[in-house]
Protein backbone atom coordinates (compact mmCIF):
# COMPACT_ATOMS: atom_id res chain seq x y z
CA UNK A 1 0.00 0.00 0.00
CA UNK A 2 1.27 3.46 -0.93
CA UNK A 3 0.91 6.80 0.72
CA UNK A 4 -2.26 8.91 0.34
CA UNK A 5 -1.47 12.33 -1.08
CA UNK A 6 -3.08 15.44 -2.51
CA UNK A 7 -0.06 16.30 -4.69
CA UNK A 8 -0.66 16.67 -8.41
CA UNK A 9 1.35 17.56 -11.49
CA UNK A 10 1.51 21.33 -11.89
CA UNK A 11 0.01 21.15 -15.39
CA UNK A 12 -3.32 19.96 -13.90
CA UNK A 13 -3.69 23.41 -12.32
CA UNK A 14 -3.30 25.45 -15.52
CA UNK A 15 -6.82 26.88 -15.23
CA UNK A 16 -6.03 28.12 -11.70
CA UNK A 17 -2.77 29.69 -12.88
CA UNK A 18 -4.50 31.44 -15.78
CA UNK A 19 -7.19 33.01 -13.56
CA UNK A 20 -5.98 32.93 -9.94
CA UNK A 21 -8.43 34.17 -7.32
CA UNK A 22 -5.51 34.88 -4.96
CA UNK A 23 -1.75 35.17 -5.15
CA UNK A 24 0.87 36.09 -2.57
CA UNK A 25 4.62 36.24 -2.24
CA UNK A 26 7.14 35.97 0.57
CA UNK A 27 10.69 37.28 0.45
CA UNK A 28 13.30 38.59 2.86
CA UNK A 29 13.60 42.31 3.40
CA UNK A 30 16.23 43.63 5.78
CA UNK A 31 16.16 41.45 8.88
CA UNK A 32 12.59 40.28 8.33
CA UNK A 33 10.29 38.47 5.97
CA UNK A 34 7.61 40.18 3.90
CA UNK A 35 4.43 38.33 2.96
CA UNK A 36 2.17 40.36 0.67
CA UNK A 37 -0.66 39.85 -1.80
CA UNK A 38 0.39 40.37 -5.42
CA UNK A 39 -1.01 40.65 -8.91
CA UNK A 40 -0.07 37.51 -10.81
CA UNK A 41 -0.06 36.87 -14.55
CA UNK A 42 1.33 34.17 -16.80
CA UNK A 43 2.08 35.40 -20.30
CA UNK A 44 3.80 33.31 -22.99
CA UNK A 45 5.22 30.94 -20.40
CA UNK A 46 6.65 33.65 -18.15
CA UNK A 47 5.40 34.45 -14.67
CA UNK A 48 4.86 38.14 -13.86
CA UNK A 49 4.46 39.45 -10.32
CA UNK A 50 3.04 42.92 -9.60
CA UNK A 51 3.86 44.41 -6.20
CA UNK A 52 2.82 47.71 -4.62
CA UNK A 53 5.29 50.43 -5.63
CA UNK A 54 5.65 51.46 -1.96
CA UNK A 55 7.33 48.19 -1.04
CA UNK A 56 11.10 48.15 -1.64
CA UNK A 57 12.09 44.90 -3.35
CA UNK A 58 15.69 43.97 -4.11
CA UNK A 59 17.14 47.31 -5.28
CA UNK A 60 17.47 45.97 -8.83
CA UNK A 61 19.03 42.62 -7.88
CA UNK A 62 17.39 39.17 -8.01
CA UNK A 63 15.49 38.35 -4.81
CA UNK A 64 14.88 34.77 -3.60
CA UNK A 65 11.13 34.36 -3.07
CA UNK A 66 8.18 31.98 -2.82
CA UNK A 67 4.96 32.60 -4.76
CA UNK A 68 1.67 30.85 -4.03
CA UNK A 69 -1.46 30.89 -6.19
CA UNK A 70 -4.45 29.24 -4.55
CA UNK A 71 -8.14 28.69 -4.97
CA UNK A 72 -11.09 27.14 -3.17
CA UNK A 73 -12.94 27.90 0.05
CA UNK A 74 -13.72 24.49 1.49
CA UNK A 75 -11.42 21.55 2.20
CA UNK A 76 -12.17 19.51 -0.93
CA UNK A 77 -12.00 22.67 -3.09
CA UNK A 78 -8.52 23.67 -1.92
CA UNK A 79 -5.89 23.64 -4.63
CA UNK A 80 -2.67 25.58 -5.06
CA UNK A 81 0.70 25.79 -6.67
CA UNK A 82 3.78 27.12 -4.93
CA UNK A 83 6.91 28.17 -6.77
CA UNK A 84 10.35 28.78 -5.29
CA UNK A 85 12.59 31.02 -7.32
CA UNK A 86 13.83 34.55 -7.85
CA UNK A 87 12.21 37.90 -8.53
CA UNK A 88 14.00 39.84 -11.26
CA UNK A 89 13.00 43.43 -12.13
CA UNK A 90 10.98 43.38 -15.34
CA UNK A 91 12.70 45.24 -18.15
CA UNK A 92 9.74 44.93 -20.52
CA UNK A 93 6.60 43.47 -18.91
CA UNK A 94 3.60 42.78 -21.17
CA UNK A 95 1.74 45.98 -22.04
CA UNK A 96 -1.57 44.81 -20.53
CA UNK A 97 -0.21 44.80 -16.96
CA UNK A 98 -1.31 47.46 -14.45
CA UNK A 99 0.95 50.51 -14.58
CA UNK A 100 0.44 51.36 -10.91
CA UNK A 101 2.43 48.31 -9.74
CA UNK A 102 6.14 47.50 -9.92
CA UNK A 103 6.50 44.38 -12.07
CA UNK A 104 8.95 41.53 -11.77
CA UNK A 105 9.57 38.39 -13.76
CA UNK A 106 9.60 35.32 -11.52
CA UNK A 107 12.25 32.74 -12.44
CA UNK A 108 11.13 29.34 -11.15
CA UNK A 109 13.58 26.96 -9.48
CA UNK A 110 11.00 24.41 -8.22
CA UNK A 111 7.27 23.93 -7.74
CA UNK A 112 4.85 21.98 -5.57
CA UNK A 113 1.15 21.66 -6.39
CA UNK A 114 -1.81 20.08 -4.69
CA UNK A 115 -5.53 19.56 -5.10
CA UNK A 116 -7.46 18.13 -2.16
CA UNK A 117 -10.28 16.97 -4.43
CA UNK A 118 -7.89 14.46 -5.97
CA UNK A 119 -6.71 12.56 -2.91
CA UNK A 120 -5.08 9.43 -4.29
CA UNK A 121 -2.67 6.70 -3.41
CA UNK A 122 0.94 7.21 -4.43
CA UNK A 123 2.98 4.10 -5.03
C-alpha atoms as a PDB file:
ATOM      1  CA  UNK A   1       0.000   0.000   0.000  1.00  0.00           C
ATOM      2  CA  UNK A   2       1.275   3.455  -0.931  1.00  0.00           C
ATOM      3  CA  UNK A   3       0.910   6.804   0.721  1.00  0.00           C
ATOM      4  CA  UNK A   4      -2.262   8.906   0.343  1.00  0.00           C
ATOM      5  CA  UNK A   5      -1.468  12.329  -1.083  1.00  0.00           C
ATOM      6  CA  UNK A   6      -3.079  15.435  -2.507  1.00  0.00           C
ATOM      7  CA  UNK A   7      -0.060  16.303  -4.686  1.00  0.00           C
ATOM      8  CA  UNK A   8      -0.663  16.667  -8.414  1.00  0.00           C
ATOM      9  CA  UNK A   9       1.345  17.555 -11.486  1.00  0.00           C
ATOM     10  CA  UNK A  10       1.513  21.335 -11.895  1.00  0.00           C
ATOM     11  CA  UNK A  11       0.006  21.148 -15.386  1.00  0.00           C
ATOM     12  CA  UNK A  12      -3.316  19.962 -13.899  1.00  0.00           C
ATOM     13  CA  UNK A  13      -3.695  23.415 -12.315  1.00  0.00           C
ATOM     14  CA  UNK A  14      -3.298  25.445 -15.519  1.00  0.00           C
ATOM     15  CA  UNK A  15      -6.824  26.881 -15.228  1.00  0.00           C
ATOM     16  CA  UNK A  16      -6.034  28.115 -11.702  1.00  0.00           C
ATOM     17  CA  UNK A  17      -2.768  29.688 -12.883  1.00  0.00           C
ATOM     18  CA  UNK A  18      -4.499  31.441 -15.782  1.00  0.00           C
ATOM     19  CA  UNK A  19      -7.192  33.009 -13.556  1.00  0.00           C
ATOM     20  CA  UNK A  20      -5.983  32.929  -9.940  1.00  0.00           C
ATOM     21  CA  UNK A  21      -8.431  34.174  -7.316  1.00  0.00           C
ATOM     22  CA  UNK A  22      -5.509  34.877  -4.961  1.00  0.00           C
ATOM     23  CA  UNK A  23      -1.748  35.173  -5.149  1.00  0.00           C
ATOM     24  CA  UNK A  24       0.866  36.090  -2.565  1.00  0.00           C
ATOM     25  CA  UNK A  25       4.624  36.240  -2.240  1.00  0.00           C
ATOM     26  CA  UNK A  26       7.137  35.967   0.572  1.00  0.00           C
ATOM     27  CA  UNK A  27      10.690  37.277   0.453  1.00  0.00           C
ATOM     28  CA  UNK A  28      13.299  38.585   2.864  1.00  0.00           C
ATOM     29  CA  UNK A  29      13.600  42.311   3.401  1.00  0.00           C
ATOM     30  CA  UNK A  30      16.232  43.630   5.775  1.00  0.00           C
ATOM     31  CA  UNK A  31      16.160  41.453   8.876  1.00  0.00           C
ATOM     32  CA  UNK A  32      12.589  40.279   8.325  1.00  0.00           C
ATOM     33  CA  UNK A  33      10.288  38.468   5.970  1.00  0.00           C
ATOM     34  CA  UNK A  34       7.611  40.179   3.897  1.00  0.00           C
ATOM     35  CA  UNK A  35       4.428  38.327   2.961  1.00  0.00           C
ATOM     36  CA  UNK A  36       2.169  40.356   0.675  1.00  0.00           C
ATOM     37  CA  UNK A  37      -0.659  39.849  -1.802  1.00  0.00           C
ATOM     38  CA  UNK A  38       0.389  40.369  -5.422  1.00  0.00           C
ATOM     39  CA  UNK A  39      -1.007  40.655  -8.913  1.00  0.00           C
ATOM     40  CA  UNK A  40      -0.071  37.510 -10.812  1.00  0.00           C
ATOM     41  CA  UNK A  41      -0.058  36.872 -14.551  1.00  0.00           C
ATOM     42  CA  UNK A  42       1.330  34.166 -16.800  1.00  0.00           C
ATOM     43  CA  UNK A  43       2.084  35.398 -20.299  1.00  0.00           C
ATOM     44  CA  UNK A  44       3.803  33.311 -22.994  1.00  0.00           C
ATOM     45  CA  UNK A  45       5.222  30.935 -20.398  1.00  0.00           C
ATOM     46  CA  UNK A  46       6.653  33.655 -18.151  1.00  0.00           C
ATOM     47  CA  UNK A  47       5.395  34.450 -14.668  1.00  0.00           C
ATOM     48  CA  UNK A  48       4.864  38.143 -13.859  1.00  0.00           C
ATOM     49  CA  UNK A  49       4.464  39.452 -10.319  1.00  0.00           C
ATOM     50  CA  UNK A  50       3.040  42.923  -9.601  1.00  0.00           C
ATOM     51  CA  UNK A  51       3.860  44.408  -6.201  1.00  0.00           C
ATOM     52  CA  UNK A  52       2.817  47.707  -4.624  1.00  0.00           C
ATOM     53  CA  UNK A  53       5.293  50.428  -5.627  1.00  0.00           C
ATOM     54  CA  UNK A  54       5.652  51.464  -1.962  1.00  0.00           C
ATOM     55  CA  UNK A  55       7.331  48.192  -1.036  1.00  0.00           C
ATOM     56  CA  UNK A  56      11.102  48.150  -1.643  1.00  0.00           C
ATOM     57  CA  UNK A  57      12.095  44.900  -3.353  1.00  0.00           C
ATOM     58  CA  UNK A  58      15.686  43.974  -4.108  1.00  0.00           C
ATOM     59  CA  UNK A  59      17.143  47.315  -5.281  1.00  0.00           C
ATOM     60  CA  UNK A  60      17.466  45.968  -8.831  1.00  0.00           C
ATOM     61  CA  UNK A  61      19.033  42.622  -7.877  1.00  0.00           C
ATOM     62  CA  UNK A  62      17.389  39.166  -8.011  1.00  0.00           C
ATOM     63  CA  UNK A  63      15.489  38.355  -4.811  1.00  0.00           C
ATOM     64  CA  UNK A  64      14.876  34.771  -3.602  1.00  0.00           C
ATOM     65  CA  UNK A  65      11.130  34.357  -3.070  1.00  0.00           C
ATOM     66  CA  UNK A  66       8.182  31.978  -2.817  1.00  0.00           C
ATOM     67  CA  UNK A  67       4.957  32.605  -4.758  1.00  0.00           C
ATOM     68  CA  UNK A  68       1.670  30.852  -4.030  1.00  0.00           C
ATOM     69  CA  UNK A  69      -1.456  30.885  -6.193  1.00  0.00           C
ATOM     70  CA  UNK A  70      -4.446  29.240  -4.553  1.00  0.00           C
ATOM     71  CA  UNK A  71      -8.143  28.693  -4.970  1.00  0.00           C
ATOM     72  CA  UNK A  72     -11.088  27.136  -3.168  1.00  0.00           C
ATOM     73  CA  UNK A  73     -12.939  27.901   0.046  1.00  0.00           C
ATOM     74  CA  UNK A  74     -13.717  24.494   1.495  1.00  0.00           C
ATOM     75  CA  UNK A  75     -11.418  21.552   2.196  1.00  0.00           C
ATOM     76  CA  UNK A  76     -12.171  19.510  -0.933  1.00  0.00           C
ATOM     77  CA  UNK A  77     -12.004  22.667  -3.093  1.00  0.00           C
ATOM     78  CA  UNK A  78      -8.517  23.669  -1.920  1.00  0.00           C
ATOM     79  CA  UNK A  79      -5.886  23.642  -4.625  1.00  0.00           C
ATOM     80  CA  UNK A  80      -2.671  25.585  -5.059  1.00  0.00           C
ATOM     81  CA  UNK A  81       0.701  25.791  -6.673  1.00  0.00           C
ATOM     82  CA  UNK A  82       3.782  27.125  -4.932  1.00  0.00           C
ATOM     83  CA  UNK A  83       6.911  28.165  -6.770  1.00  0.00           C
ATOM     84  CA  UNK A  84      10.351  28.783  -5.287  1.00  0.00           C
ATOM     85  CA  UNK A  85      12.591  31.021  -7.323  1.00  0.00           C
ATOM     86  CA  UNK A  86      13.829  34.554  -7.855  1.00  0.00           C
ATOM     87  CA  UNK A  87      12.208  37.901  -8.533  1.00  0.00           C
ATOM     88  CA  UNK A  88      13.998  39.839 -11.262  1.00  0.00           C
ATOM     89  CA  UNK A  89      13.003  43.431 -12.126  1.00  0.00           C
ATOM     90  CA  UNK A  90      10.976  43.384 -15.340  1.00  0.00           C
ATOM     91  CA  UNK A  91      12.697  45.239 -18.151  1.00  0.00           C
ATOM     92  CA  UNK A  92       9.737  44.927 -20.519  1.00  0.00           C
ATOM     93  CA  UNK A  93       6.600  43.467 -18.912  1.00  0.00           C
ATOM     94  CA  UNK A  94       3.603  42.775 -21.170  1.00  0.00           C
ATOM     95  CA  UNK A  95       1.736  45.983 -22.037  1.00  0.00           C
ATOM     96  CA  UNK A  96      -1.574  44.813 -20.535  1.00  0.00           C
ATOM     97  CA  UNK A  97      -0.210  44.805 -16.961  1.00  0.00           C
ATOM     98  CA  UNK A  98      -1.310  47.462 -14.450  1.00  0.00           C
ATOM     99  CA  UNK A  99       0.954  50.508 -14.583  1.00  0.00           C
ATOM    100  CA  UNK A 100       0.438  51.360 -10.906  1.00  0.00           C
ATOM    101  CA  UNK A 101       2.434  48.308  -9.741  1.00  0.00           C
ATOM    102  CA  UNK A 102       6.136  47.503  -9.920  1.00  0.00           C
ATOM    103  CA  UNK A 103       6.498  44.377 -12.070  1.00  0.00           C
ATOM    104  CA  UNK A 104       8.952  41.529 -11.773  1.00  0.00           C
ATOM    105  CA  UNK A 105       9.571  38.392 -13.757  1.00  0.00           C
ATOM    106  CA  UNK A 106       9.597  35.322 -11.525  1.00  0.00           C
ATOM    107  CA  UNK A 107      12.246  32.741 -12.444  1.00  0.00           C
ATOM    108  CA  UNK A 108      11.129  29.343 -11.154  1.00  0.00           C
ATOM    109  CA  UNK A 109      13.577  26.956  -9.481  1.00  0.00           C
ATOM    110  CA  UNK A 110      11.004  24.415  -8.223  1.00  0.00           C
ATOM    111  CA  UNK A 111       7.270  23.930  -7.738  1.00  0.00           C
ATOM    112  CA  UNK A 112       4.847  21.977  -5.570  1.00  0.00           C
ATOM    113  CA  UNK A 113       1.150  21.665  -6.392  1.00  0.00           C
ATOM    114  CA  UNK A 114      -1.806  20.076  -4.687  1.00  0.00           C
ATOM    115  CA  UNK A 115      -5.534  19.560  -5.097  1.00  0.00           C
ATOM    116  CA  UNK A 116      -7.464  18.133  -2.155  1.00  0.00           C
ATOM    117  CA  UNK A 117     -10.282  16.972  -4.428  1.00  0.00           C
ATOM    118  CA  UNK A 118      -7.891  14.463  -5.975  1.00  0.00           C
ATOM    119  CA  UNK A 119      -6.713  12.561  -2.906  1.00  0.00           C
ATOM    120  CA  UNK A 120      -5.075   9.432  -4.285  1.00  0.00           C
ATOM    121  CA  UNK A 121      -2.666   6.703  -3.414  1.00  0.00           C
ATOM    122  CA  UNK A 122       0.937   7.207  -4.425  1.00  0.00           C
ATOM    123  CA  UNK A 123       2.984   4.098  -5.034  1.00  0.00           C
END
